[in-house]
Amino acid sequence: MSEDGSELNAIELATELTIAWLNNSNNRVAAEDVPTFLQTMHATVLGLASGSVEQEEAAPQQEHVAAVSVRKSLASKDHIISMIDGKPYKTLRRHLAGHGLTPETYRERYGLRPDYPMVAETYSQSRRDMAKRIGLGRKARGSDTEEAAVESEAGDAPRRRGRKPKAAE
């Protein structure tokens, strides 16, 4: 293929892609933005056809400015203030996932230490207390000896589940 032929194909392909994009009812574009989009599409098609991807577009990363300081984000034990939007949260994991971040990338983005908490202190303590109350984290109790003791106390009657019956008057 000659270079003129590939240039013509790139122009036609970029034009067809632009027309298809504009025909989509979900895209609302002002008429003055169409030539810019066509030029961008053409440059992209040429870059893909030549096999070289522009490093210029991949290089610039947004400079993320924290909404609050680290000290202010951890000032309260009841919540952690997000550095993305400055709002308080008991736990940041779901908030970060909504922004396409993991705790590690969040810490990296804002230059936070690896031990920066993702959960407010009082929320963490209340969850810990609840887990202890319902018995999570305990080892299983002695298997045969305790079961035998319970059965001998109950006699030969099968064990019932649920509430105890009300006492007859």
C-alpha atoms as a PDB file:
ATOM      1  CA  MET A   1       0.000   0.000   0.000  1.00  0.00           C
ATOM      2  CA  SER A   2       1.310   3.437  -0.803  1.00  0.00           C
ATOM      3  CA  GLU A   3       1.416   6.167   1.816  1.00  0.00           C
ATOM      4  CA  ASP A   4      -1.208   8.193  -0.072  1.00  0.00           C
ATOM      5  CA  GLY A   5      -3.558   5.207  -0.093  1.00  0.00           C
ATOM      6  CA  SER A   6      -3.173   4.639   3.661  1.00  0.00           C
ATOM      7  CA  GLU A   7      -3.676   8.375   4.272  1.00  0.00           C
ATOM      8  CA  LEU A   8      -6.881   8.272   2.238  1.00  0.00           C
ATOM      9  CA  ASN A   9      -8.085   5.187   4.091  1.00  0.00           C
ATOM     10  CA  ALA A  10      -7.324   6.861   7.423  1.00  0.00           C
ATOM     11  CA  ILE A  11      -9.314   9.942   6.408  1.00  0.00           C
ATOM     12  CA  GLU A  12     -12.256   7.821   5.240  1.00  0.00           C
ATOM     13  CA  LEU A  13     -12.160   5.671   8.356  1.00  0.00           C
ATOM     14  CA  ALA A  14     -11.938   8.721  10.653  1.00  0.00           C
ATOM     15  CA  THR A  15     -14.846  10.328   8.783  1.00  0.00           C
ATOM     16  CA  GLU A  16     -16.982   7.190   9.041  1.00  0.00           C
ATOM     17  CA  LEU A  17     -16.227   6.831  12.733  1.00  0.00           C
ATOM     18  CA  THR A  18     -17.086  10.487  13.341  1.00  0.00           C
ATOM     19  CA  ILE A  19     -20.376  10.170  11.436  1.00  0.00           C
ATOM     20  CA  ALA A  20     -21.284   7.040  13.398  1.00  0.00           C
ATOM     21  CA  TRP A  21     -20.452   8.802  16.655  1.00  0.00           C
ATOM     22  CA  LEU A  22     -22.548  11.827  15.737  1.00  0.00           C
ATOM     23  CA  ASN A  23     -25.516   9.665  14.703  1.00  0.00           C
ATOM     24  CA  ASN A  24     -25.677   8.190  18.202  1.00  0.00           C
ATOM     25  CA  SER A  25     -28.621   9.866  19.942  1.00  0.00           C
ATOM     26  CA  ASN A  26     -26.824   9.752  23.316  1.00  0.00           C
ATOM     27  CA  ASN A  27     -24.076  12.116  22.106  1.00  0.00           C
ATOM     28  CA  ARG A  28     -24.901  15.783  22.093  1.00  0.00           C
ATOM     29  CA  VAL A  29     -22.250  17.858  20.338  1.00  0.00           C
ATOM     30  CA  ALA A  30     -22.163  21.474  19.257  1.00  0.00           C
ATOM     31  CA  ALA A  31     -21.460  22.042  15.559  1.00  0.00           C
ATOM     32  CA  GLU A  32     -18.220  23.921  16.304  1.00  0.00           C
ATOM     33  CA  ASP A  33     -16.815  20.880  18.160  1.00  0.00           C
ATOM     34  CA  VAL A  34     -17.173  18.496  15.198  1.00  0.00           C
ATOM     35  CA  PRO A  35     -14.014  19.570  13.279  1.00  0.00           C
ATOM     36  CA  THR A  36     -11.898  19.189  16.426  1.00  0.00           C
ATOM     37  CA  PHE A  37     -13.324  15.745  17.056  1.00  0.00           C
ATOM     38  CA  LEU A  38     -12.688  14.755  13.422  1.00  0.00           C
ATOM     39  CA  GLN A  39      -9.053  15.895  13.649  1.00  0.00           C
ATOM     40  CA  THR A  40      -8.572  13.973  16.887  1.00  0.00           C
ATOM     41  CA  MET A  41     -10.168  10.879  15.370  1.00  0.00           C
ATOM     42  CA  HIS A  42      -7.930  11.184  12.290  1.00  0.00           C
ATOM     43  CA  ALA A  43      -4.778  11.508  14.395  1.00  0.00           C
ATOM     44  CA  THR A  44      -5.819   8.490  16.451  1.00  0.00           C
ATOM     45  CA  VAL A  45      -6.528   6.371  13.366  1.00  0.00           C
ATOM     46  CA  LEU A  46      -3.161   7.343  11.854  1.00  0.00           C
ATOM     47  CA  GLY A  47      -1.391   6.518  15.098  1.00  0.00           C
ATOM     48  CA  LEU A  48      -3.084   3.134  15.277  1.00  0.00           C
ATOM     49  CA  ALA A  49      -2.354   2.420  11.599  1.00  0.00           C
ATOM     50  CA  SER A  50       1.354   3.217  11.995  1.00  0.00           C
ATOM     51  CA  GLY A  51       1.552   1.104  15.139  1.00  0.00           C
ATOM     52  CA  SER A  52       2.835   3.909  17.331  1.00  0.00           C
ATOM     53  CA  VAL A  53       0.712   5.242  20.119  1.00  0.00           C
ATOM     54  CA  GLU A  54       1.386   8.797  21.142  1.00  0.00           C
ATOM     55  CA  GLN A  55       3.220   8.819  24.452  1.00  0.00           C
ATOM     56  CA  GLU A  56       2.214  12.427  24.953  1.00  0.00           C
ATOM     57  CA  GLU A  57      -1.391  11.545  25.736  1.00  0.00           C
ATOM     58  CA  ALA A  58      -0.512   8.793  28.209  1.00  0.00           C
ATOM     59  CA  ALA A  59       2.092  10.863  30.076  1.00  0.00           C
ATOM     60  CA  PRO A  60       0.097  13.751  31.562  1.00  0.00           C
ATOM     61  CA  GLN A  61      -1.479  12.721  34.841  1.00  0.00           C
ATOM     62  CA  GLN A  62      -3.847  14.923  36.722  1.00  0.00           C
ATOM     63  CA  GLU A  63      -2.449  16.607  39.778  1.00  0.00           C
ATOM     64  CA  HIS A  64      -4.884  15.677  42.522  1.00  0.00           C
ATOM     65  CA  VAL A  65      -5.376  18.328  45.159  1.00  0.00           C
ATOM     66  CA  ALA A  66      -6.658  17.127  48.512  1.00  0.00           C
ATOM     67  CA  ALA A  67      -9.928  18.696  49.663  1.00  0.00           C
ATOM     68  CA  VAL A  68      -8.667  18.720  53.278  1.00  0.00           C
ATOM     69  CA  SER A  69      -5.374  18.208  55.066  1.00  0.00           C
ATOM     70  CA  VAL A  70      -4.383  14.834  56.480  1.00  0.00           C
ATOM     71  CA  ARG A  71      -4.654  16.196  60.013  1.00  0.00           C
ATOM     72  CA  LYS A  72      -8.186  17.487  59.401  1.00  0.00           C
ATOM     73  CA  SER A  73      -9.282  14.256  57.711  1.00  0.00           C
ATOM     74  CA  LEU A  74      -8.428  12.319  60.882  1.00  0.00           C
ATOM     75  CA  ALA A  75      -9.482  14.991  63.413  1.00  0.00           C
ATOM     76  CA  SER A  76     -12.645  13.204  64.539  1.00  0.00           C
ATOM     77  CA  LYS A  77     -12.918   9.671  65.904  1.00  0.00           C
ATOM     78  CA  ASP A  78     -16.477   9.437  64.578  1.00  0.00           C
ATOM     79  CA  HIS A  79     -15.636   9.819  60.883  1.00  0.00           C
ATOM     80  CA  ILE A  80     -12.857  10.208  58.312  1.00  0.00           C
ATOM     81  CA  ILE A  81     -13.086  13.128  55.921  1.00  0.00           C
ATOM     82  CA  SER A  82     -12.480  12.142  52.314  1.00  0.00           C
ATOM     83  CA  MET A  83      -9.661  13.929  50.533  1.00  0.00           C
ATOM     84  CA  ILE A  84     -11.598  13.595  47.274  1.00  0.00           C
ATOM     85  CA  ASP A  85     -14.703  15.582  48.167  1.00  0.00           C
ATOM     86  CA  GLY A  86     -14.222  16.726  51.772  1.00  0.00           C
ATOM     87  CA  LYS A  87     -17.258  14.829  53.099  1.00  0.00           C
ATOM     88  CA  PRO A  88     -17.236  12.681  56.266  1.00  0.00           C
ATOM     89  CA  TYR A  89     -17.535   8.881  56.041  1.00  0.00           C
ATOM     90  CA  LYS A  90     -17.455   6.099  58.626  1.00  0.00           C
ATOM     91  CA  THR A  91     -15.686   3.889  56.107  1.00  0.00           C
ATOM     92  CA  LEU A  92     -13.982   4.965  52.892  1.00  0.00           C
ATOM     93  CA  ARG A  93     -13.925   1.697  50.937  1.00  0.00           C
ATOM     94  CA  ARG A  94     -17.281   2.032  49.156  1.00  0.00           C
ATOM     95  CA  HIS A  95     -16.683   5.746  48.543  1.00  0.00           C
ATOM     96  CA  LEU A  96     -13.313   4.984  46.949  1.00  0.00           C
ATOM     97  CA  ALA A  97     -14.761   2.180  44.835  1.00  0.00           C
ATOM     98  CA  GLY A  98     -17.307   4.668  43.468  1.00  0.00           C
ATOM     99  CA  HIS A  99     -14.394   6.765  42.258  1.00  0.00           C
ATOM    100  CA  GLY A 100     -12.549   3.763  40.797  1.00  0.00           C
ATOM    101  CA  LEU A 101      -9.888   3.694  43.513  1.00  0.00           C
ATOM    102  CA  THR A 102      -8.525   1.124  45.900  1.00  0.00           C
ATOM    103  CA  PRO A 103      -7.211   2.066  49.346  1.00  0.00           C
ATOM    104  CA  GLU A 104      -3.657   1.657  48.027  1.00  0.00           C
ATOM    105  CA  THR A 105      -4.181   3.975  45.051  1.00  0.00           C
ATOM    106  CA  TYR A 106      -5.958   6.492  47.301  1.00  0.00           C
ATOM    107  CA  ARG A 107      -2.997   6.523  49.682  1.00  0.00           C
ATOM    108  CA  GLU A 108      -0.583   6.820  46.765  1.00  0.00           C
ATOM    109  CA  ARG A 109      -2.558   9.619  45.079  1.00  0.00           C
ATOM    110  CA  TYR A 110      -2.524  11.837  48.162  1.00  0.00           C
ATOM    111  CA  GLY A 111       0.861  10.796  49.546  1.00  0.00           C
ATOM    112  CA  LEU A 112      -0.539   9.099  52.641  1.00  0.00           C
ATOM    113  CA  ARG A 113       1.300   6.646  54.864  1.00  0.00           C
ATOM    114  CA  PRO A 114       0.573   2.927  54.404  1.00  0.00           C
ATOM    115  CA  ASP A 115      -1.112   2.784  57.817  1.00  0.00           C
ATOM    116  CA  TYR A 116      -3.609   5.592  57.027  1.00  0.00           C
ATOM    117  CA  PRO A 117      -6.990   4.243  58.248  1.00  0.00           C
ATOM    118  CA  MET A 118      -9.915   3.521  55.952  1.00  0.00           C
ATOM    119  CA  VAL A 119     -12.432   3.169  58.806  1.00  0.00           C
ATOM    120  CA  ALA A 120     -13.316   5.648  61.573  1.00  0.00           C
ATOM    121  CA  GLU A 121     -12.090   4.649  65.023  1.00  0.00           C
ATOM    122  CA  THR A 122     -15.476   4.550  66.794  1.00  0.00           C
ATOM    123  CA  TYR A 123     -17.082   2.633  63.910  1.00  0.00           C
ATOM    124  CA  SER A 124     -14.279   0.095  64.016  1.00  0.00           C
ATOM    125  CA  GLN A 125     -14.662  -0.276  67.783  1.00  0.00           C
ATOM    126  CA  SER A 126     -18.431  -0.760  67.550  1.00  0.00           C
ATOM    127  CA  ARG A 127     -17.991  -3.449  64.878  1.00  0.00           C
ATOM    128  CA  ARG A 128     -15.333  -5.159  67.019  1.00  0.00           C
ATOM    129  CA  ASP A 129     -17.654  -5.143  70.060  1.00  0.00           C
ATOM    130  CA  MET A 130     -20.529  -6.566  68.034  1.00  0.00           C
ATOM    131  CA  ALA A 131     -18.308  -9.355  66.665  1.00  0.00           C
ATOM    132  CA  LYS A 132     -17.204 -10.278  70.181  1.00  0.00           C
ATOM    133  CA  ARG A 133     -20.827 -10.263  71.406  1.00  0.00           C
ATOM    134  CA  ILE A 134     -21.954 -12.747  68.759  1.00  0.00           C
ATOM    135  CA  GLY A 135     -18.889 -14.910  69.293  1.00  0.00           C
ATOM    136  CA  LEU A 136     -16.882 -14.402  66.125  1.00  0.00           C
ATOM    137  CA  GLY A 137     -13.219 -15.277  66.347  1.00  0.00           C
ATOM    138  CA  ARG A 138     -13.553 -17.821  69.122  1.00  0.00           C
ATOM    139  CA  LYS A 139     -12.295 -21.338  68.805  1.00  0.00           C
ATOM    140  CA  ALA A 140     -14.907 -24.070  68.622  1.00  0.00           C
ATOM    141  CA  ARG A 141     -15.793 -25.377  72.053  1.00  0.00           C
ATOM    142  CA  GLY A 142     -14.789 -28.889  73.134  1.00  0.00           C
ATOM    143  CA  SER A 143     -16.654 -31.231  70.836  1.00  0.00           C
ATOM    144  CA  ASP A 144     -17.507 -34.592  72.439  1.00  0.00           C
ATOM    145  CA  THR A 145     -17.183 -33.916  76.152  1.00  0.00           C
ATOM    146  CA  GLU A 146     -19.509 -30.925  76.291  1.00  0.00           C
ATOM    147  CA  GLU A 147     -22.098 -32.499  73.982  1.00  0.00           C
ATOM    148  CA  ALA A 148     -22.187 -35.598  76.176  1.00  0.00           C
ATOM    149  CA  ALA A 149     -22.635 -33.450  79.298  1.00  0.00           C
ATOM    150  CA  VAL A 150     -25.507 -31.528  77.731  1.00  0.00           C
ATOM    151  CA  GLU A 151     -27.222 -34.744  76.612  1.00  0.00           C
ATOM    152  CA  SER A 152     -26.912 -36.322  80.047  1.00  0.00           C
ATOM    153  CA  GLU A 153     -28.469 -33.225  81.654  1.00  0.00           C
ATOM    154  CA  ALA A 154     -31.372 -33.263  79.228  1.00  0.00           C
ATOM    155  CA  GLY A 155     -32.039 -36.957  79.738  1.00  0.00           C
ATOM    156  CA  ASP A 156     -33.240 -39.143  76.911  1.00  0.00           C
ATOM    157  CA  ALA A 157     -35.696 -36.589  75.547  1.00  0.00           C
ATOM    158  CA  PRO A 158     -34.667 -35.095  72.214  1.00  0.00           C
ATOM    159  CA  ARG A 159     -33.501 -31.521  72.300  1.00  0.00           C
ATOM    160  CA  ARG A 160     -35.995 -28.961  71.124  1.00  0.00           C
ATOM    161  CA  ARG A 161     -35.103 -25.899  69.175  1.00  0.00           C
ATOM    162  CA  GLY A 162     -36.610 -22.469  69.563  1.00  0.00           C
ATOM    163  CA  ARG A 163     -38.269 -20.831  72.539  1.00  0.00           C
ATOM    164  CA  LYS A 164     -39.046 -22.653  75.706  1.00  0.00           C
ATOM    165  CA  PRO A 165     -42.768 -23.311  76.162  1.00  0.00           C
ATOM    166  CA  LYS A 166     -44.599 -21.035  78.580  1.00  0.00           C
ATOM    167  CA  ALA A 167     -45.094 -22.404  82.038  1.00  0.00           C
ATOM    168  CA  ALA A 168     -48.567 -23.819  82.639  1.00  0.00           C
ATOM    169  CA  GLU A 169     -50.507 -22.047  85.379  1.00  0.00           C
END
